[in-house]
Amino acid sequence: MEKMLPAGQPTEPLILFPQYISITSWYYQIYHTMRVDDNHPYHPVMLEIFGRKNCPQGELLIVRNGEDFDPQSAEWDVDLEELGKTLWWYMRSGIDPMKEANERRLLRYMEGL
C-alpha cells in the first residue's frame, strides 16, 4: 500500500466499519501520508467524520480489509456506492468512528467465543 501513497511519512490507517452494524468481519482502511510541510486542505468528508484531530490531509487510498482477506478476490473490491452510503451514515449519525471500530472489534471477538 505504501508504494501507492504520495511521498511523505505513512501513518497508521484509519478504520471505518460499514454502516450495517451486523458487519463485523470487514472494514474500510483509509491510508494517507503525513508531511511536515503539508498544506493540503483537509478532506471535507473525512473532516466531518474524524474531526480536525484525526482528519487526513491530501490524497487518500481506501481499501477493504478483514478476516480471510484475499487481494486477488473481487469480493474485496470497494463498492463505491456502499462506501458513499457508509460515509454518509457516519456524517449524518455523528457516530465516533474510533469508538465504533472498537465496539465492532469487541462484537467480533464475542461472536468467536
Protein backbone atom coordinates (compact mmCIF):
# COMPACT_ATOMS: atom_id res chain seq x y z
CA MET A 1 0.00 0.00 0.00
CA GLU A 2 2.74 2.41 0.95
CA LYS A 3 4.10 2.36 -2.61
CA MET A 4 0.77 3.68 -3.88
CA LEU A 5 0.69 6.66 -1.50
CA PRO A 6 2.13 10.10 -2.26
CA ALA A 7 5.55 10.97 -0.83
CA GLY A 8 5.64 11.52 2.91
CA GLN A 9 5.52 9.64 6.19
CA PRO A 10 2.92 6.83 6.06
CA THR A 11 0.58 6.90 9.03
CA GLU A 12 -1.48 4.23 10.75
CA PRO A 13 -4.53 3.71 8.54
CA LEU A 14 -7.87 4.99 9.77
CA ILE A 15 -10.67 2.43 10.02
CA LEU A 16 -14.34 2.72 9.11
CA PHE A 17 -16.68 -0.19 9.56
CA PRO A 18 -19.64 -0.32 7.14
CA GLN A 19 -22.92 1.34 8.03
CA TYR A 20 -24.57 -2.02 8.73
CA ILE A 21 -23.99 -2.80 12.40
CA SER A 22 -24.21 -6.54 11.77
CA ILE A 23 -20.98 -6.44 9.73
CA THR A 24 -18.02 -7.11 11.97
CA SER A 25 -15.77 -9.21 9.72
CA TRP A 26 -14.53 -6.48 7.35
CA TYR A 27 -13.92 -2.74 7.29
CA TYR A 28 -12.53 0.08 5.17
CA GLN A 29 -8.94 1.15 5.78
CA ILE A 30 -8.04 4.71 4.86
CA TYR A 31 -4.37 5.15 4.08
CA HIS A 32 -2.71 8.54 3.86
CA THR A 33 0.68 10.14 4.41
CA MET A 34 1.73 12.99 6.67
CA ARG A 35 4.17 15.61 5.53
CA VAL A 36 5.81 18.18 7.77
CA ASP A 37 5.08 20.91 5.24
CA ASP A 38 1.63 19.58 4.37
CA ASN A 39 -0.50 22.47 3.21
CA HIS A 40 -3.16 20.34 1.54
CA PRO A 41 -6.65 21.14 2.74
CA TYR A 42 -8.45 18.73 4.98
CA HIS A 43 -10.66 16.35 3.07
CA PRO A 44 -14.17 17.76 3.77
CA VAL A 45 -15.90 14.39 4.21
CA MET A 46 -13.13 12.99 6.40
CA LEU A 47 -13.08 16.23 8.42
CA GLU A 48 -16.80 15.81 9.11
CA ILE A 49 -16.32 12.18 10.19
CA PHE A 50 -12.98 12.22 12.05
CA GLY A 51 -12.73 15.85 13.18
CA ARG A 52 -9.64 18.02 12.77
CA LYS A 53 -7.51 15.98 15.21
CA ASN A 54 -7.63 12.74 13.17
CA CYS A 55 -8.53 14.07 9.73
CA PRO A 56 -6.17 13.09 6.91
CA GLN A 57 -4.94 15.74 4.52
CA GLY A 58 -4.17 15.35 0.83
CA GLU A 59 -4.66 12.17 -1.13
CA LEU A 60 -6.32 9.08 0.32
CA LEU A 61 -6.25 5.41 -0.55
CA ILE A 62 -9.29 3.44 0.68
CA VAL A 63 -9.32 -0.36 0.64
CA ARG A 64 -11.39 -3.14 2.19
CA ASN A 65 -9.74 -5.39 4.74
CA GLY A 66 -10.76 -8.02 7.25
CA GLU A 67 -10.81 -11.71 8.03
CA ASP A 68 -9.62 -14.02 5.24
CA PHE A 69 -8.56 -11.00 3.17
CA ASP A 70 -7.57 -12.03 -0.36
CA PRO A 71 -6.49 -9.10 -2.54
CA GLN A 72 -6.99 -11.23 -5.67
CA SER A 73 -10.67 -11.84 -4.94
CA ALA A 74 -13.27 -9.49 -6.41
CA GLU A 75 -15.17 -9.89 -3.12
CA TRP A 76 -12.71 -7.40 -1.63
CA ASP A 77 -13.15 -4.70 -4.29
CA VAL A 78 -14.51 -1.44 -2.88
CA ASP A 79 -18.10 -0.81 -3.95
CA LEU A 80 -18.17 2.96 -4.37
CA GLU A 81 -21.90 3.19 -3.76
CA GLU A 82 -21.63 1.27 -0.48
CA LEU A 83 -18.61 3.34 0.54
CA GLY A 84 -20.59 6.50 -0.17
CA LYS A 85 -23.52 5.24 1.92
CA THR A 86 -21.16 4.42 4.77
CA LEU A 87 -19.51 7.85 4.63
CA TRP A 88 -22.95 9.50 4.57
CA TRP A 89 -24.07 7.37 7.54
CA TYR A 90 -21.08 8.47 9.62
CA MET A 91 -21.59 12.11 8.65
CA ARG A 92 -25.32 12.15 9.45
CA SER A 93 -25.22 9.98 12.58
CA GLY A 94 -22.34 11.75 14.33
CA ILE A 95 -21.01 8.38 15.44
CA ASP A 96 -17.36 8.45 16.52
CA PRO A 97 -15.60 6.11 14.06
CA MET A 98 -12.88 5.22 16.58
CA LYS A 99 -15.43 4.10 19.19
CA GLU A 100 -17.45 2.30 16.52
CA ALA A 101 -14.36 0.37 15.39
CA ASN A 102 -13.61 -0.68 18.97
CA GLU A 103 -17.20 -1.80 19.53
CA ARG A 104 -17.27 -3.82 16.30
CA ARG A 105 -13.97 -5.50 17.17
CA LEU A 106 -15.40 -6.41 20.57
CA LEU A 107 -18.56 -7.79 18.93
CA ARG A 108 -16.44 -9.85 16.55
CA TYR A 109 -14.41 -11.21 19.44
CA MET A 110 -17.58 -12.12 21.36
CA GLU A 111 -19.02 -13.83 18.25
CA GLY A 112 -15.98 -16.10 18.25
CA LEU A 113 -16.42 -17.26 21.84
